Amino acid sequence: MYEPFSHRARKVMQLANQEAMSLNHGYIGTEHILMGLIKEGSGTGVETLKRLGVNLLKLRGDIRRVVQRGAAIVDVNTKLAQTPRGKQVIEYAMEECRTLKHHCVGTEHLLLGLLRETNGVAAHVLMDQDLRLEEVRAVIVKLLGERPAPPPPLPSKIADDLPALLKPIAAAADADIQRLTTAKEQAIESREFEHAAALRDQTQTLRAKKKALLLEWIASRHTADPWLSNIDRAIIELARRISQERGWGLLPDLADALELAGCTDAEIINHCRQPGEHSNHCWVIDLLLAQA
């Protein structure tokens, strides 16, 4: 659903939960996220604040003076929900991550998100320190430029490993997703955030439809191919083993077993004869395991 969060960013959100509970607040707001950022203490977000001359102890004290302690103690087993402004900070952080072309949401993106949510307590406290969004973003870019860039994530072939019938449909969806993504990034740069949010929602809808393509195709194959309903349990177990172990080298054995079971679908058999084409996914395996 979201871009992956870095270890430190996840830690910040855990600490935000703790900070909220320490104040007897039954919610996580922008002030708690900022307190979690300060308490984590070692991420790029904190380094940026230090570069800008911010006294972290004073900043934390300012937050404590602004917010009031709740009257009732919050049960430690309660799962605290984020306020709408807290959620908006996360949305902004993810947008900043994409705009800066980073691979995961870090503490620096959370800091930018806190500044962009101008109606939040955190933004008011930060702006009282004479912090401005563009200045903070520039410092973050400079900081990250002083250290080696993290390696890009390994490519996934999940979206590409589709039956031939679905590939042109998926390609058209990919083109629309790219068009909407580009338009959204332009809207963000122009500070048209409502339009950017609408484009993001359209993109997510398209991605969901694309993911549903394979499931719909599998459902149709089960009604069209009689041999699938009589598949041997040993074949299902082999398919499951290949899936769990990512043992694509065993796919030719699966092809032999399928031929013996009466499968005459050349696309299925030929796909299994090419184990080197796989990295972490196989639509034939999905088809077989859906039967199980």
Protein backbone atom coordinates (compact mmCIF):
# COMPACT_ATOMS: atom_id res chain seq x y z
CA MET A 1 0.00 0.00 0.00
CA TYR A 2 2.75 2.44 1.01
CA GLU A 3 6.34 2.90 0.03
CA PRO A 4 8.45 0.89 2.48
CA PHE A 5 9.45 2.75 5.63
CA SER A 6 13.07 2.68 6.77
CA HIS A 7 13.90 1.06 10.10
CA ARG A 8 14.32 4.47 11.71
CA ALA A 9 11.05 5.81 10.28
CA ARG A 10 9.18 2.80 11.69
CA LYS A 11 10.93 3.41 15.00
CA VAL A 12 9.75 7.04 14.94
CA MET A 13 6.14 5.91 14.56
CA GLN A 14 6.53 3.42 17.43
CA LEU A 15 7.98 6.17 19.61
CA ALA A 16 5.16 8.51 18.56
CA ASN A 17 2.73 5.93 19.93
CA GLN A 18 4.66 5.85 23.21
CA GLU A 19 4.78 9.64 23.42
CA ALA A 20 1.02 9.85 22.91
CA MET A 21 0.41 7.34 25.70
CA SER A 22 2.78 9.19 28.03
CA LEU A 23 0.56 12.25 27.60
CA ASN A 24 -2.64 10.20 28.08
CA HIS A 25 -3.65 10.91 24.49
CA GLY A 26 -5.78 8.33 22.73
CA TYR A 27 -4.53 9.32 19.30
CA ILE A 28 -1.31 9.98 17.36
CA GLY A 29 -1.08 13.55 16.12
CA THR A 30 1.61 15.57 14.37
CA GLU A 31 3.04 16.59 17.76
CA HIS A 32 3.61 12.95 18.73
CA ILE A 33 5.31 12.17 15.41
CA LEU A 34 7.68 15.10 15.93
CA MET A 35 8.39 13.96 19.49
CA GLY A 36 9.07 10.45 18.18
CA LEU A 37 11.45 11.93 15.59
CA ILE A 38 13.37 13.78 18.29
CA LYS A 39 13.43 10.78 20.62
CA GLU A 40 14.72 8.44 17.88
CA GLY A 41 17.62 10.85 17.70
CA SER A 42 19.81 9.37 14.97
CA GLY A 43 18.06 9.74 11.63
CA THR A 44 18.55 12.23 8.81
CA GLY A 45 15.54 14.17 10.08
CA VAL A 46 17.29 14.92 13.38
CA GLU A 47 20.60 15.58 11.60
CA THR A 48 18.81 18.16 9.48
CA LEU A 49 17.40 19.91 12.53
CA LYS A 50 20.85 20.00 14.10
CA ARG A 51 22.38 21.44 10.90
CA LEU A 52 19.80 24.21 11.07
CA GLY A 53 20.78 25.03 14.64
CA VAL A 54 17.69 23.67 16.35
CA ASN A 55 18.03 22.82 20.06
CA LEU A 56 16.26 19.47 20.29
CA LEU A 57 15.68 19.65 24.05
CA LYS A 58 14.12 23.08 23.69
CA LEU A 59 12.03 21.89 20.76
CA ARG A 60 10.69 18.97 22.79
CA GLY A 61 9.96 21.33 25.68
CA ASP A 62 8.07 23.68 23.36
CA ILE A 63 5.84 20.80 22.26
CA ARG A 64 5.18 19.79 25.85
CA ARG A 65 4.16 23.35 26.68
CA VAL A 66 1.75 23.55 23.75
CA VAL A 67 -0.10 20.25 24.25
CA GLN A 68 -2.12 19.39 27.33
CA ARG A 69 -1.96 16.10 29.16
CA GLY A 70 -5.12 14.00 28.86
CA ALA A 71 -7.27 13.37 31.90
CA ALA A 72 -7.62 9.59 31.55
CA ILE A 73 -4.76 7.09 31.35
CA VAL A 74 -4.71 5.23 28.03
CA ASP A 75 -4.62 1.43 28.21
CA VAL A 76 -1.21 0.24 26.99
CA ASN A 77 -2.96 -2.44 24.89
CA THR A 78 -4.92 0.19 22.97
CA LYS A 79 -3.97 0.58 19.32
CA LEU A 80 -3.87 4.31 18.79
CA ALA A 81 -5.24 5.73 15.56
CA GLN A 82 -3.65 8.63 13.73
CA THR A 83 -5.53 11.91 13.55
CA PRO A 84 -6.46 13.17 10.06
CA ARG A 85 -3.52 15.59 10.24
CA GLY A 86 -1.24 12.78 11.39
CA LYS A 87 -2.34 10.71 8.40
CA GLN A 88 -1.74 13.68 6.14
CA VAL A 89 1.84 13.91 7.41
CA ILE A 90 2.39 10.31 6.30
CA GLU A 91 0.88 11.04 2.88
CA TYR A 92 3.11 14.07 2.48
CA ALA A 93 6.15 12.06 3.61
CA MET A 94 5.46 9.45 0.93
CA GLU A 95 5.04 12.16 -1.71
CA GLU A 96 8.35 13.71 -0.66
CA CYS A 97 10.00 10.29 -0.95
CA ARG A 98 8.71 9.88 -4.50
CA THR A 99 9.53 13.45 -5.53
CA LEU A 100 13.10 13.09 -4.28
CA LYS A 101 13.28 9.68 -6.02
CA HIS A 102 14.29 7.88 -2.83
CA HIS A 103 13.68 4.19 -2.30
CA CYS A 104 11.99 4.27 1.09
CA VAL A 105 10.37 6.73 3.48
CA GLY A 106 12.90 7.92 6.04
CA THR A 107 12.94 10.31 8.98
CA GLU A 108 13.83 13.15 6.60
CA HIS A 109 10.58 12.64 4.68
CA LEU A 110 8.61 12.57 7.92
CA LEU A 111 10.17 15.92 8.86
CA LEU A 112 9.14 17.40 5.50
CA GLY A 113 5.66 15.96 5.94
CA LEU A 114 5.37 17.60 9.36
CA LEU A 115 6.28 20.97 7.86
CA ARG A 116 3.85 20.58 4.97
CA GLU A 117 0.90 19.87 7.26
CA THR A 118 0.80 23.55 8.21
CA ASN A 119 -2.24 23.25 10.46
CA GLY A 120 -0.61 20.69 12.73
CA VAL A 121 0.89 21.42 16.13
CA ALA A 122 4.28 20.17 14.90
CA ALA A 123 4.40 22.62 12.00
CA HIS A 124 3.60 25.56 14.28
CA VAL A 125 6.37 24.57 16.70
CA LEU A 126 8.85 24.03 13.85
CA MET A 127 7.98 27.32 12.16
CA ASP A 128 8.45 29.09 15.49
CA GLN A 129 12.07 27.92 15.11
CA ASP A 130 12.15 29.85 11.79
CA LEU A 131 12.22 26.59 9.82
CA ARG A 132 10.84 26.79 6.31
CA LEU A 133 9.99 23.88 4.04
CA GLU A 134 12.25 24.73 1.10
CA GLU A 135 15.22 25.45 3.34
CA VAL A 136 14.77 22.16 5.19
CA ARG A 137 14.41 20.23 1.93
CA ALA A 138 17.61 21.81 0.60
CA VAL A 139 19.54 20.76 3.72
CA ILE A 140 18.19 17.21 3.43
CA VAL A 141 19.28 16.96 -0.22
CA LYS A 142 22.75 18.25 0.75
CA LEU A 143 23.02 15.83 3.69
CA LEU A 144 22.06 12.83 1.60
CA GLY A 145 24.49 13.92 -1.11
CA GLU A 146 27.33 13.65 1.41
CA ARG A 147 26.85 9.91 1.89
CA PRO A 148 26.67 6.99 -0.56
CA ALA A 149 23.24 6.40 -2.02
CA PRO A 150 21.55 3.18 -0.90
CA PRO A 151 21.40 0.42 -3.51
CA PRO A 152 18.15 0.30 -5.50
CA PRO A 153 15.69 -2.46 -4.60
CA LEU A 154 15.90 -5.69 -6.56
CA PRO A 155 13.62 -5.63 -9.60
CA SER A 156 10.42 -7.60 -9.35
CA LYS A 157 9.04 -9.64 -12.24
CA ILE A 158 5.65 -10.16 -10.62
CA ALA A 159 3.90 -7.67 -12.88
CA ASP A 160 5.64 -9.03 -16.01
CA ASP A 161 5.02 -12.73 -15.39
CA LEU A 162 1.60 -12.92 -16.99
CA PRO A 163 -0.08 -15.14 -19.59
CA ALA A 164 0.23 -13.79 -23.14
CA LEU A 165 -3.45 -12.83 -23.20
CA LEU A 166 -3.02 -10.44 -20.28
CA LYS A 167 0.26 -8.77 -21.28
CA PRO A 168 -1.20 -6.15 -23.68
CA ILE A 169 -3.90 -5.27 -21.12
CA ALA A 170 -1.27 -4.92 -18.40
CA ALA A 171 0.93 -2.83 -20.70
CA ALA A 172 -1.95 -0.43 -21.37
CA ALA A 173 -2.59 -0.16 -17.63
CA ASP A 174 1.13 0.50 -17.02
CA ALA A 175 1.05 3.33 -19.56
CA ASP A 176 -1.96 4.91 -17.85
CA ILE A 177 -0.31 4.49 -14.41
CA GLN A 178 2.87 6.18 -15.67
CA ARG A 179 0.85 9.03 -17.18
CA LEU A 180 -1.06 9.60 -13.94
CA THR A 181 2.13 9.34 -11.86
CA THR A 182 3.85 11.98 -13.98
CA ALA A 183 0.82 14.26 -13.74
CA LYS A 184 0.70 13.75 -9.96
CA GLU A 185 4.38 14.64 -9.56
CA GLN A 186 3.82 17.80 -11.60
CA ALA A 187 0.84 18.67 -9.39
CA ILE A 188 2.99 18.20 -6.27
CA GLU A 189 5.69 20.48 -7.68
CA SER A 190 2.99 23.09 -8.41
CA ARG A 191 1.64 22.67 -4.84
CA GLU A 192 -1.75 21.52 -6.23
CA PHE A 193 -2.08 18.93 -3.48
CA GLU A 194 -5.81 18.22 -3.85
CA HIS A 195 -5.33 17.47 -7.55
CA ALA A 196 -2.28 15.34 -6.71
CA ALA A 197 -4.34 13.34 -4.20
CA ALA A 198 -7.06 12.71 -6.79
CA LEU A 199 -4.45 11.52 -9.31
CA ARG A 200 -2.92 9.27 -6.65
CA ASP A 201 -6.33 7.69 -5.99
CA GLN A 202 -6.82 7.07 -9.71
CA THR A 203 -3.40 5.44 -9.87
CA GLN A 204 -4.16 3.17 -6.93
CA THR A 205 -7.46 2.13 -8.55
CA LEU A 206 -5.65 1.22 -11.76
CA ARG A 207 -3.03 -0.78 -9.87
CA ALA A 208 -5.75 -2.69 -8.04
CA LYS A 209 -7.48 -3.50 -11.35
CA LYS A 210 -4.17 -4.66 -12.80
CA LYS A 211 -3.58 -6.99 -9.85
CA ALA A 212 -7.07 -8.41 -10.28
CA LEU A 213 -6.38 -9.36 -13.92
CA LEU A 214 -4.55 -12.57 -13.05
CA LEU A 215 -7.11 -13.64 -10.45
CA GLU A 216 -9.95 -13.16 -12.93
CA TRP A 217 -8.05 -15.08 -15.60
CA ILE A 218 -7.35 -17.95 -13.17
CA ALA A 219 -11.03 -18.15 -12.25
CA SER A 220 -12.00 -18.39 -15.92
CA ARG A 221 -9.42 -21.11 -16.59
CA HIS A 222 -10.79 -23.31 -13.83
CA THR A 223 -14.16 -23.40 -15.57
CA ALA A 224 -12.68 -23.82 -19.07
CA ASP A 225 -10.01 -26.50 -18.52
CA PRO A 226 -11.38 -29.86 -17.25
CA TRP A 227 -7.89 -31.27 -16.55
CA LEU A 228 -7.40 -28.67 -13.81
CA SER A 229 -10.23 -30.10 -11.72
CA ASN A 230 -8.60 -33.57 -11.78
CA ILE A 231 -5.08 -32.47 -10.97
CA ASP A 232 -3.05 -34.93 -8.92
CA ARG A 233 -2.22 -33.97 -5.31
CA ALA A 234 1.45 -34.72 -5.95
CA ILE A 235 1.49 -32.02 -8.63
CA ILE A 236 -0.07 -29.51 -6.22
CA GLU A 237 2.57 -30.36 -3.61
CA LEU A 238 5.34 -29.92 -6.18
CA ALA A 239 3.89 -26.54 -7.18
CA ARG A 240 3.67 -25.51 -3.52
CA ARG A 241 7.28 -26.54 -2.92
CA ILE A 242 8.48 -24.57 -5.93
CA SER A 243 6.55 -21.52 -4.74
CA GLN A 244 7.77 -21.68 -1.14
CA GLU A 245 11.41 -22.32 -2.03
CA ARG A 246 11.45 -20.21 -5.19
CA GLY A 247 12.81 -23.38 -6.72
CA TRP A 248 12.35 -22.40 -10.34
CA GLY A 249 14.86 -25.07 -11.40
CA LEU A 250 12.12 -27.63 -10.69
CA LEU A 251 9.67 -26.07 -13.16
CA PRO A 252 10.69 -28.44 -16.01
CA ASP A 253 9.79 -31.36 -13.70
CA LEU A 254 6.42 -29.69 -13.15
CA ALA A 255 5.99 -29.44 -16.94
CA ASP A 256 6.59 -33.19 -17.29
CA ALA A 257 4.06 -33.93 -14.54
CA LEU A 258 1.46 -31.66 -16.12
CA GLU A 259 1.84 -33.34 -19.51
CA LEU A 260 1.33 -36.72 -17.87
CA ALA A 261 -1.78 -35.31 -16.16
CA GLY A 262 -3.28 -34.42 -19.53
CA CYS A 263 -2.37 -30.76 -19.87
CA THR A 264 -2.14 -29.85 -23.55
CA ASP A 265 -1.83 -26.10 -23.08
CA ALA A 266 1.40 -25.24 -24.91
CA GLU A 267 1.73 -21.85 -23.18
CA ILE A 268 1.67 -23.46 -19.72
CA ILE A 269 4.12 -26.22 -20.65
CA ASN A 270 6.53 -23.89 -22.47
CA HIS A 271 6.44 -21.39 -19.59
CA CYS A 272 7.55 -24.11 -17.18
CA ARG A 273 10.30 -25.19 -19.56
CA GLN A 274 11.92 -21.75 -19.09
CA PRO A 275 12.84 -21.59 -15.38
CA GLY A 276 15.48 -18.94 -16.03
CA GLU A 277 12.72 -16.45 -16.84
CA HIS A 278 11.55 -16.41 -13.22
CA SER A 279 12.74 -14.33 -10.27
CA ASN A 280 10.05 -14.47 -7.60
CA HIS A 281 6.75 -15.34 -9.24
CA CYS A 282 5.10 -17.77 -11.68
CA TRP A 283 1.56 -17.46 -13.00
CA VAL A 284 1.36 -21.22 -13.70
CA ILE A 285 2.05 -21.89 -10.00
CA ASP A 286 -0.69 -19.42 -9.09
CA LEU A 287 -3.09 -21.25 -11.39
CA LEU A 288 -2.32 -24.61 -9.81
CA LEU A 289 -2.37 -23.42 -6.19
CA ALA A 290 -5.72 -21.69 -6.75
CA GLN A 291 -7.11 -25.18 -7.49
CA ALA A 292 -5.76 -26.40 -4.15
